[in-house]
Amino acid sequence: EAIRADGHPRWFVLTGLVHDLGKILCLFDEPQWAVV
């Protein structure tokens, strides 16, 4: 929403929406130091 409010392209807004989804590695039992 912060990206959208500044008028950036839709792909940029979508990038902001998905950028942390890789943290699901924690749900695959990876330790924090192998995730973030």
PDB file of all heavy atoms in Angstrom:
ATOM      1  N   GLU A   1       0.821  -1.204   0.000  1.00  0.00           N
ATOM      2  CA  GLU A   1       0.000   0.000   0.000  1.00  0.00           C
ATOM      3  C   GLU A   1       0.861   1.263   0.000  1.00  0.00           C
ATOM      4  O   GLU A   1       0.519   2.264  -0.629  1.00  0.00           O
ATOM      5  CB  GLU A   1      -0.931  -0.010   1.206  1.00  0.00           C
ATOM      6  CG  GLU A   1      -2.152  -0.892   1.035  1.00  0.00           C
ATOM      7  CD  GLU A   1      -3.088  -0.368  -0.045  1.00  0.00           C
ATOM      8  OE1 GLU A   1      -3.856   0.586   0.230  1.00  0.00           O
ATOM      9  OE2 GLU A   1      -3.043  -0.901  -1.173  1.00  0.00           O
ATOM     10  N   ALA A   2       1.993   1.227   0.700  1.00  0.00           N
ATOM     11  CA  ALA A   2       2.897   2.380   0.683  1.00  0.00           C
ATOM     12  C   ALA A   2       3.463   2.599  -0.709  1.00  0.00           C
ATOM     13  O   ALA A   2       3.588   3.738  -1.184  1.00  0.00           O
ATOM     14  CB  ALA A   2       4.025   2.180   1.691  1.00  0.00           C
ATOM     15  N   ILE A   3       3.775   1.516  -1.389  1.00  0.00           N
ATOM     16  CA  ILE A   3       4.281   1.606  -2.761  1.00  0.00           C
ATOM     17  C   ILE A   3       3.186   2.129  -3.689  1.00  0.00           C
ATOM     18  O   ILE A   3       3.417   3.007  -4.529  1.00  0.00           O
ATOM     19  CB  ILE A   3       4.791   0.225  -3.222  1.00  0.00           C
ATOM     20  CG1 ILE A   3       6.019  -0.188  -2.402  1.00  0.00           C
ATOM     21  CG2 ILE A   3       5.115   0.238  -4.719  1.00  0.00           C
ATOM     22  CD1 ILE A   3       6.419  -1.641  -2.584  1.00  0.00           C
ATOM     23  N   ARG A   4       1.978   1.600  -3.536  1.00  0.00           N
ATOM     24  CA  ARG A   4       0.854   2.033  -4.383  1.00  0.00           C
ATOM     25  C   ARG A   4       0.544   3.510  -4.174  1.00  0.00           C
ATOM     26  O   ARG A   4       0.250   4.236  -5.131  1.00  0.00           O
ATOM     27  CB  ARG A   4      -0.379   1.175  -4.095  1.00  0.00           C
ATOM     28  CG  ARG A   4      -1.581   1.534  -4.959  1.00  0.00           C
ATOM     29  CD  ARG A   4      -2.588   0.413  -5.067  1.00  0.00           C
ATOM     30  NE  ARG A   4      -3.348   0.159  -3.883  1.00  0.00           N
ATOM     31  CZ  ARG A   4      -4.690   0.141  -3.843  1.00  0.00           C
ATOM     32  NH1 ARG A   4      -5.391   0.419  -4.937  1.00  0.00           N
ATOM     33  NH2 ARG A   4      -5.317  -0.154  -2.733  1.00  0.00           N
ATOM     34  N   ALA A   5       0.608   3.969  -2.923  1.00  0.00           N
ATOM     35  CA  ALA A   5       0.295   5.360  -2.611  1.00  0.00           C
ATOM     36  C   ALA A   5       1.248   6.330  -3.300  1.00  0.00           C
ATOM     37  O   ALA A   5       0.889   7.480  -3.571  1.00  0.00           O
ATOM     38  CB  ALA A   5       0.324   5.577  -1.101  1.00  0.00           C
ATOM     39  N   ASP A   6       2.468   5.867  -3.596  1.00  0.00           N
ATOM     40  CA  ASP A   6       3.450   6.717  -4.265  1.00  0.00           C
ATOM     41  C   ASP A   6       3.374   6.622  -5.787  1.00  0.00           C
ATOM     42  O   ASP A   6       4.222   7.186  -6.483  1.00  0.00           O
ATOM     43  CB  ASP A   6       4.859   6.368  -3.783  1.00  0.00           C
ATOM     44  CG  ASP A   6       5.161   6.951  -2.405  1.00  0.00           C
ATOM     45  OD1 ASP A   6       4.345   7.763  -1.912  1.00  0.00           O
ATOM     46  OD2 ASP A   6       6.214   6.601  -1.821  1.00  0.00           O
ATOM     47  N   GLY A   7       2.383   5.895  -6.286  1.00  0.00           N
ATOM     48  CA  GLY A   7       2.135   5.881  -7.717  1.00  0.00           C
ATOM     49  C   GLY A   7       3.050   4.997  -8.538  1.00  0.00           C
ATOM     50  O   GLY A   7       3.183   5.216  -9.751  1.00  0.00           O
ATOM     51  N   HIS A   8       3.663   4.002  -7.935  1.00  0.00           N
ATOM     52  CA  HIS A   8       4.557   3.121  -8.677  1.00  0.00           C
ATOM     53  C   HIS A   8       3.766   2.116  -9.527  1.00  0.00           C
ATOM     54  O   HIS A   8       2.579   1.885  -9.279  1.00  0.00           O
ATOM     55  CB  HIS A   8       5.479   2.387  -7.704  1.00  0.00           C
ATOM     56  CG  HIS A   8       6.490   3.273  -7.048  1.00  0.00           C
ATOM     57  ND1 HIS A   8       7.461   3.942  -7.753  1.00  0.00           N
ATOM     58  CD2 HIS A   8       6.674   3.626  -5.740  1.00  0.00           C
ATOM     59  CE1 HIS A   8       8.209   4.656  -6.925  1.00  0.00           C
ATOM     60  NE2 HIS A   8       7.743   4.486  -5.698  1.00  0.00           N
ATOM     61  N   PRO A   9       4.430   1.501 -10.515  1.00  0.00           N
ATOM     62  CA  PRO A   9       3.744   0.550 -11.395  1.00  0.00           C
ATOM     63  C   PRO A   9       3.147  -0.630 -10.636  1.00  0.00           C
ATOM     64  O   PRO A   9       3.583  -0.971  -9.523  1.00  0.00           O
ATOM     65  CB  PRO A   9       4.861   0.086 -12.343  1.00  0.00           C
ATOM     66  CG  PRO A   9       5.898   1.151 -12.278  1.00  0.00           C
ATOM     67  CD  PRO A   9       5.835   1.714 -10.895  1.00  0.00           C
ATOM     68  N   ARG A  10       2.182  -1.280 -11.255  1.00  0.00           N
ATOM     69  CA  ARG A  10       1.487  -2.399 -10.598  1.00  0.00           C
ATOM     70  C   ARG A  10       2.439  -3.535 -10.253  1.00  0.00           C
ATOM     71  O   ARG A  10       2.307  -4.175  -9.211  1.00  0.00           O
ATOM     72  CB  ARG A  10       0.345  -2.889 -11.496  1.00  0.00           C
ATOM     73  CG  ARG A  10      -0.827  -1.916 -11.529  1.00  0.00           C
ATOM     74  CD  ARG A  10      -1.849  -2.294 -12.591  1.00  0.00           C
ATOM     75  NE  ARG A  10      -2.570  -3.524 -12.307  1.00  0.00           N
ATOM     76  CZ  ARG A  10      -3.634  -3.625 -11.510  1.00  0.00           C
ATOM     77  NH1 ARG A  10      -4.100  -2.561 -10.882  1.00  0.00           N
ATOM     78  NH2 ARG A  10      -4.252  -4.783 -11.341  1.00  0.00           N
ATOM     79  N   TRP A  11       3.428  -3.806 -11.114  1.00  0.00           N
ATOM     80  CA  TRP A  11       4.367  -4.880 -10.790  1.00  0.00           C
ATOM     81  C   TRP A  11       5.186  -4.549  -9.547  1.00  0.00           C
ATOM     82  O   TRP A  11       5.562  -5.435  -8.785  1.00  0.00           O
ATOM     83  CB  TRP A  11       5.291  -5.178 -11.977  1.00  0.00           C
ATOM     84  CG  TRP A  11       6.193  -4.045 -12.397  1.00  0.00           C
ATOM     85  CD1 TRP A  11       6.001  -3.175 -13.416  1.00  0.00           C
ATOM     86  CD2 TRP A  11       7.437  -3.656 -11.781  1.00  0.00           C
ATOM     87  NE1 TRP A  11       7.035  -2.263 -13.483  1.00  0.00           N
ATOM     88  CE2 TRP A  11       7.930  -2.532 -12.495  1.00  0.00           C
ATOM     89  CE3 TRP A  11       8.181  -4.146 -10.697  1.00  0.00           C
ATOM     90  CZ2 TRP A  11       9.129  -1.901 -12.159  1.00  0.00           C
ATOM     91  CZ3 TRP A  11       9.371  -3.511 -10.359  1.00  0.00           C
ATOM     92  CH2 TRP A  11       9.832  -2.399 -11.087  1.00  0.00           C
ATOM     93  N   PHE A  12       5.463  -3.254  -9.332  1.00  0.00           N
ATOM     94  CA  PHE A  12       6.208  -2.813  -8.149  1.00  0.00           C
ATOM     95  C   PHE A  12       5.338  -3.032  -6.898  1.00  0.00           C
ATOM     96  O   PHE A  12       5.816  -3.524  -5.872  1.00  0.00           O
ATOM     97  CB  PHE A  12       6.560  -1.340  -8.322  1.00  0.00           C
ATOM     98  CG  PHE A  12       7.608  -0.798  -7.381  1.00  0.00           C
ATOM     99  CD1 PHE A  12       8.322   0.346  -7.722  1.00  0.00           C
ATOM    100  CD2 PHE A  12       7.883  -1.388  -6.146  1.00  0.00           C
ATOM    101  CE1 PHE A  12       9.280   0.885  -6.870  1.00  0.00           C
ATOM    102  CE2 PHE A  12       8.840  -0.856  -5.291  1.00  0.00           C
ATOM    103  CZ  PHE A  12       9.530   0.277  -5.648  1.00  0.00           C
ATOM    104  N   VAL A  13       4.061  -2.696  -6.997  1.00  0.00           N
ATOM    105  CA  VAL A  13       3.138  -2.921  -5.882  1.00  0.00           C
ATOM    106  C   VAL A  13       3.082  -4.413  -5.547  1.00  0.00           C
ATOM    107  O   VAL A  13       3.148  -4.806  -4.374  1.00  0.00           O
ATOM    108  CB  VAL A  13       1.732  -2.392  -6.232  1.00  0.00           C
ATOM    109  CG1 VAL A  13       0.744  -2.685  -5.101  1.00  0.00           C
ATOM    110  CG2 VAL A  13       1.770  -0.894  -6.530  1.00  0.00           C
ATOM    111  N   LEU A  14       2.991  -5.242  -6.582  1.00  0.00           N
ATOM    112  CA  LEU A  14       2.931  -6.687  -6.369  1.00  0.00           C
ATOM    113  C   LEU A  14       4.215  -7.209  -5.738  1.00  0.00           C
ATOM    114  O   LEU A  14       4.181  -8.098  -4.873  1.00  0.00           O
ATOM    115  CB  LEU A  14       2.667  -7.396  -7.701  1.00  0.00           C
ATOM    116  CG  LEU A  14       2.523  -8.913  -7.628  1.00  0.00           C
ATOM    117  CD1 LEU A  14       1.371  -9.315  -6.722  1.00  0.00           C
ATOM    118  CD2 LEU A  14       2.334  -9.493  -9.027  1.00  0.00           C
ATOM    119  N   THR A  15       5.343  -6.657  -6.143  1.00  0.00           N
ATOM    120  CA  THR A  15       6.623  -7.054  -5.536  1.00  0.00           C
ATOM    121  C   THR A  15       6.597  -6.792  -4.037  1.00  0.00           C
ATOM    122  O   THR A  15       7.041  -7.624  -3.235  1.00  0.00           O
ATOM    123  CB  THR A  15       7.784  -6.305  -6.201  1.00  0.00           C
ATOM    124  OG1 THR A  15       7.830  -6.618  -7.596  1.00  0.00           O
ATOM    125  CG2 THR A  15       9.113  -6.681  -5.561  1.00  0.00           C
ATOM    126  N   GLY A  16       6.078  -5.632  -3.638  1.00  0.00           N
ATOM    127  CA  GLY A  16       5.959  -5.341  -2.218  1.00  0.00           C
ATOM    128  C   GLY A  16       5.061  -6.318  -1.501  1.00  0.00           C
ATOM    129  O   GLY A  16       5.322  -6.702  -0.354  1.00  0.00           O
ATOM    130  N   LEU A  17       4.004  -6.761  -2.182  1.00  0.00           N
ATOM    131  CA  LEU A  17       3.062  -7.691  -1.569  1.00  0.00           C
ATOM    132  C   LEU A  17       3.692  -9.050  -1.310  1.00  0.00           C
ATOM    133  O   LEU A  17       3.432  -9.678  -0.283  1.00  0.00           O
ATOM    134  CB  LEU A  17       1.835  -7.850  -2.467  1.00  0.00           C
ATOM    135  CG  LEU A  17       0.711  -8.726  -1.910  1.00  0.00           C
ATOM    136  CD1 LEU A  17      -0.001  -8.022  -0.767  1.00  0.00           C
ATOM    137  CD2 LEU A  17      -0.270  -9.103  -3.010  1.00  0.00           C
ATOM    138  N   VAL A  18       4.541  -9.519  -2.217  1.00  0.00           N
ATOM    139  CA  VAL A  18       5.039 -10.894  -2.120  1.00  0.00           C
ATOM    140  C   VAL A  18       6.449 -11.000  -1.546  1.00  0.00           C
ATOM    141  O   VAL A  18       6.928 -12.112  -1.299  1.00  0.00           O
ATOM    142  CB  VAL A  18       5.014 -11.592  -3.505  1.00  0.00           C
ATOM    143  CG1 VAL A  18       3.622 -11.532  -4.106  1.00  0.00           C
ATOM    144  CG2 VAL A  18       6.053 -11.016  -4.459  1.00  0.00           C
ATOM    145  N   HIS A  19       7.126  -9.883  -1.288  1.00  0.00           N
ATOM    146  CA  HIS A  19       8.578  -9.919  -1.099  1.00  0.00           C
ATOM    147  C   HIS A  19       9.048 -10.807   0.055  1.00  0.00           C
ATOM    148  O   HIS A  19      10.166 -11.303   0.034  1.00  0.00           O
ATOM    149  CB  HIS A  19       9.128  -8.506  -0.910  1.00  0.00           C
ATOM    150  CG  HIS A  19       8.859  -7.912   0.445  1.00  0.00           C
ATOM    151  ND1 HIS A  19       7.642  -7.370   0.795  1.00  0.00           N
ATOM    152  CD2 HIS A  19       9.661  -7.779   1.543  1.00  0.00           C
ATOM    153  CE1 HIS A  19       7.700  -6.920   2.038  1.00  0.00           C
ATOM    154  NE2 HIS A  19       8.908  -7.157   2.513  1.00  0.00           N
ATOM    155  N   ASP A  20       8.211 -11.017   1.064  1.00  0.00           N
ATOM    156  CA  ASP A  20       8.636 -11.814   2.217  1.00  0.00           C
ATOM    157  C   ASP A  20       8.062 -13.227   2.227  1.00  0.00           C
ATOM    158  O   ASP A  20       8.236 -13.948   3.221  1.00  0.00           O
ATOM    159  CB  ASP A  20       8.229 -11.108   3.521  1.00  0.00           C
ATOM    160  CG  ASP A  20       9.293 -10.156   4.034  1.00  0.00           C
ATOM    161  OD1 ASP A  20      10.435 -10.204   3.538  1.00  0.00           O
ATOM    162  OD2 ASP A  20       8.989  -9.354   4.941  1.00  0.00           O
ATOM    163  N   LEU A  21       7.406 -13.646   1.163  1.00  0.00           N
ATOM    164  CA  LEU A  21       6.761 -14.960   1.188  1.00  0.00           C
ATOM    165  C   LEU A  21       7.757 -16.102   1.346  1.00  0.00           C
ATOM    166  O   LEU A  21       7.385 -17.187   1.779  1.00  0.00           O
ATOM    167  CB  LEU A  21       5.928 -15.168  -0.090  1.00  0.00           C
ATOM    168  CG  LEU A  21       4.625 -14.363  -0.177  1.00  0.00           C
ATOM    169  CD1 LEU A  21       3.876 -14.712  -1.462  1.00  0.00           C
ATOM    170  CD2 LEU A  21       3.739 -14.613   1.038  1.00  0.00           C
ATOM    171  N   GLY A  22       9.016 -15.852   1.022  1.00  0.00           N
ATOM    172  CA  GLY A  22      10.028 -16.886   1.215  1.00  0.00           C
ATOM    173  C   GLY A  22      10.229 -17.278   2.662  1.00  0.00           C
ATOM    174  O   GLY A  22      10.832 -18.318   2.958  1.00  0.00           O
ATOM    175  N   LYS A  23       9.692 -16.480   3.577  1.00  0.00           N
ATOM    176  CA  LYS A  23       9.794 -16.821   5.002  1.00  0.00           C
ATOM    177  C   LYS A  23       9.008 -18.072   5.369  1.00  0.00           C
ATOM    178  O   LYS A  23       9.129 -18.568   6.489  1.00  0.00           O
ATOM    179  CB  LYS A  23       9.327 -15.646   5.863  1.00  0.00           C
ATOM    180  CG  LYS A  23      10.272 -14.451   5.831  1.00  0.00           C
ATOM    181  CD  LYS A  23       9.749 -13.321   6.703  1.00  0.00           C
ATOM    182  CE  LYS A  23      10.670 -12.110   6.664  1.00  0.00           C
ATOM    183  NZ  LYS A  23      10.146 -10.987   7.476  1.00  0.00           N
ATOM    184  N   ILE A  24       8.237 -18.598   4.423  1.00  0.00           N
ATOM    185  CA  ILE A  24       7.584 -19.878   4.699  1.00  0.00           C
ATOM    186  C   ILE A  24       8.614 -20.987   4.916  1.00  0.00           C
ATOM    187  O   ILE A  24       8.262 -22.076   5.381  1.00  0.00           O
ATOM    188  CB  ILE A  24       6.589 -20.279   3.593  1.00  0.00           C
ATOM    189  CG1 ILE A  24       7.308 -20.538   2.265  1.00  0.00           C
ATOM    190  CG2 ILE A  24       5.499 -19.235   3.440  1.00  0.00           C
ATOM    191  CD1 ILE A  24       6.390 -21.093   1.187  1.00  0.00           C
ATOM    192  N   LEU A  25       9.881 -20.714   4.617  1.00  0.00           N
ATOM    193  CA  LEU A  25      10.940 -21.676   4.961  1.00  0.00           C
ATOM    194  C   LEU A  25      10.888 -22.045   6.439  1.00  0.00           C
ATOM    195  O   LEU A  25      11.217 -23.177   6.814  1.00  0.00           O
ATOM    196  CB  LEU A  25      12.314 -21.099   4.617  1.00  0.00           C
ATOM    197  CG  LEU A  25      12.700 -21.036   3.139  1.00  0.00           C
ATOM    198  CD1 LEU A  25      13.968 -20.198   2.953  1.00  0.00           C
ATOM    199  CD2 LEU A  25      12.898 -22.432   2.565  1.00  0.00           C
ATOM    200  N   CYS A  26      10.493 -21.082   7.285  1.00  0.00           N
ATOM    201  CA  CYS A  26      10.358 -21.391   8.719  1.00  0.00           C
ATOM    202  C   CYS A  26       9.310 -22.469   8.949  1.00  0.00           C
ATOM    203  O   CYS A  26       9.429 -23.268   9.889  1.00  0.00           O
ATOM    204  CB  CYS A  26       9.978 -20.129   9.497  1.00  0.00           C
ATOM    205  SG  CYS A  26      11.333 -18.975   9.770  1.00  0.00           S
ATOM    206  N   LEU A  27       8.282 -22.482   8.117  1.00  0.00           N
ATOM    207  CA  LEU A  27       7.226 -23.481   8.252  1.00  0.00           C
ATOM    208  C   LEU A  27       7.644 -24.833   7.684  1.00  0.00           C
ATOM    209  O   LEU A  27       6.945 -25.824   7.851  1.00  0.00           O
ATOM    210  CB  LEU A  27       5.952 -22.983   7.570  1.00  0.00           C
ATOM    211  CG  LEU A  27       5.380 -21.696   8.182  1.00  0.00           C
ATOM    212  CD1 LEU A  27       4.265 -21.138   7.311  1.00  0.00           C
ATOM    213  CD2 LEU A  27       4.873 -21.945   9.597  1.00  0.00           C
ATOM    214  N   PHE A  28       8.790 -24.860   7.011  1.00  0.00           N
ATOM    215  CA  PHE A  28       9.399 -26.108   6.573  1.00  0.00           C
ATOM    216  C   PHE A  28      10.503 -26.532   7.543  1.00  0.00           C
ATOM    217  O   PHE A  28      11.389 -27.326   7.203  1.00  0.00           O
ATOM    218  CB  PHE A  28       9.974 -25.962   5.159  1.00  0.00           C
ATOM    219  CG  PHE A  28       8.951 -25.636   4.102  1.00  0.00           C
ATOM    220  CD1 PHE A  28       9.291 -24.844   3.016  1.00  0.00           C
ATOM    221  CD2 PHE A  28       7.659 -26.129   4.179  1.00  0.00           C
ATOM    222  CE1 PHE A  28       8.367 -24.540   2.027  1.00  0.00           C
ATOM    223  CE2 PHE A  28       6.723 -25.829   3.193  1.00  0.00           C
ATOM    224  CZ  PHE A  28       7.075 -25.039   2.119  1.00  0.00           C
ATOM    225  N   ASP A  29      10.482 -25.927   8.740  1.00  0.00           N
ATOM    226  CA  ASP A  29      11.389 -26.273   9.846  1.00  0.00           C
ATOM    227  C   ASP A  29      12.825 -25.829   9.645  1.00  0.00           C
ATOM    228  O   ASP A  29      13.754 -26.395  10.257  1.00  0.00           O
ATOM    229  CB  ASP A  29      11.351 -27.784  10.142  1.00  0.00           C
ATOM    230  CG  ASP A  29       9.994 -28.228  10.659  1.00  0.00           C
ATOM    231  OD1 ASP A  29       9.349 -27.447  11.400  1.00  0.00           O
ATOM    232  OD2 ASP A  29       9.571 -29.347  10.323  1.00  0.00           O
ATOM    233  N   GLU A  30      13.030 -24.814   8.820  1.00  0.00           N
ATOM    234  CA  GLU A  30      14.363 -24.243   8.726  1.00  0.00           C
ATOM    235  C   GLU A  30      14.603 -23.304   9.916  1.00  0.00           C
ATOM    236  O   GLU A  30      13.696 -22.584  10.334  1.00  0.00           O
ATOM    237  CB  GLU A  30      14.526 -23.458   7.422  1.00  0.00           C
ATOM    238  CG  GLU A  30      14.562 -24.332   6.177  1.00  0.00           C
ATOM    239  CD  GLU A  30      15.765 -25.267   6.152  1.00  0.00           C
ATOM    240  OE1 GLU A  30      16.817 -24.902   6.700  1.00  0.00           O
ATOM    241  OE2 GLU A  30      15.625 -26.358   5.584  1.00  0.00           O
ATOM    242  N   PRO A  31      15.815 -23.288  10.466  1.00  0.00           N
ATOM    243  CA  PRO A  31      16.117 -22.363  11.565  1.00  0.00           C
ATOM    244  C   PRO A  31      16.139 -20.929  11.067  1.00  0.00           C
ATOM    245  O   PRO A  31      16.332 -20.672   9.871  1.00  0.00           O
ATOM    246  CB  PRO A  31      17.508 -22.810  12.029  1.00  0.00           C
ATOM    247  CG  PRO A  31      18.130 -23.426  10.810  1.00  0.00           C
ATOM    248  CD  PRO A  31      16.996 -24.110  10.086  1.00  0.00           C
ATOM    249  N   GLN A  32      15.960 -19.990  11.969  1.00  0.00           N
ATOM    250  CA  GLN A  32      15.907 -18.580  11.581  1.00  0.00           C
ATOM    251  C   GLN A  32      17.118 -18.149  10.773  1.00  0.00           C
ATOM    252  O   GLN A  32      16.998 -17.382   9.809  1.00  0.00           O
ATOM    253  CB  GLN A  32      15.768 -17.698  12.820  1.00  0.00           C
ATOM    254  CG  GLN A  32      14.418 -17.778  13.494  1.00  0.00           C
ATOM    255  CD  GLN A  32      14.410 -17.008  14.811  1.00  0.00           C
ATOM    256  OE1 GLN A  32      15.471 -16.631  15.321  1.00  0.00           O
ATOM    257  NE2 GLN A  32      13.226 -16.791  15.362  1.00  0.00           N
ATOM    258  N   TRP A  33      18.306 -18.617  11.146  1.00  0.00           N
ATOM    259  CA  TRP A  33      19.519 -18.145  10.485  1.00  0.00           C
ATOM    260  C   TRP A  33      19.628 -18.663   9.048  1.00  0.00           C
ATOM    261  O   TRP A  33      20.488 -18.218   8.286  1.00  0.00           O
ATOM    262  CB  TRP A  33      20.776 -18.518  11.281  1.00  0.00           C
ATOM    263  CG  TRP A  33      20.930 -19.974  11.607  1.00  0.00           C
ATOM    264  CD1 TRP A  33      20.599 -20.597  12.777  1.00  0.00           C
ATOM    265  CD2 TRP A  33      21.480 -20.999  10.753  1.00  0.00           C
ATOM    266  NE1 TRP A  33      20.890 -21.951  12.692  1.00  0.00           N
ATOM    267  CE2 TRP A  33      21.434 -22.211  11.472  1.00  0.00           C
ATOM    268  CE3 TRP A  33      22.002 -20.991   9.455  1.00  0.00           C
ATOM    269  CZ2 TRP A  33      21.885 -23.410  10.930  1.00  0.00           C
ATOM    270  CZ3 TRP A  33      22.445 -22.188   8.910  1.00  0.00           C
ATOM    271  CH2 TRP A  33      22.394 -23.374   9.656  1.00  0.00           C
ATOM    272  N   ALA A  34      18.745 -19.585   8.647  1.00  0.00           N
ATOM    273  CA  ALA A  34      18.689 -20.048   7.264  1.00  0.00           C
ATOM    274  C   ALA A  34      17.470 -19.485   6.550  1.00  0.00           C
ATOM    275  O   ALA A  34      17.105 -19.971   5.472  1.00  0.00           O
ATOM    276  CB  ALA A  34      18.665 -21.567   7.219  1.00  0.00           C
ATOM    277  N   VAL A  35      16.848 -18.452   7.134  1.00  0.00           N
ATOM    278  CA  VAL A  35      15.646 -17.865   6.558  1.00  0.00           C
ATOM    279  C   VAL A  35      15.782 -16.349   6.403  1.00  0.00           C
ATOM    280  O   VAL A  35      15.485 -15.794   5.346  1.00  0.00           O
ATOM    281  CB  VAL A  35      14.394 -18.192   7.400  1.00  0.00           C
ATOM    282  CG1 VAL A  35      13.142 -17.543   6.799  1.00  0.00           C
ATOM    283  CG2 VAL A  35      14.202 -19.696   7.532  1.00  0.00           C
ATOM    284  N   VAL A  36      16.213 -15.660   7.445  1.00  0.00           N
ATOM    285  CA  VAL A  36      16.288 -14.198   7.423  1.00  0.00           C
ATOM    286  C   VAL A  36      17.710 -13.745   7.747  1.00  0.00           C
ATOM    287  O   VAL A  36      18.607 -14.554   7.961  1.00  0.00           O
ATOM    288  CB  VAL A  36      15.276 -13.564   8.411  1.00  0.00           C
ATOM    289  CG1 VAL A  36      13.849 -13.889   7.997  1.00  0.00           C
ATOM    290  CG2 VAL A  36      15.546 -14.007   9.853  1.00  0.00           C
TER     291      VAL A  36
END
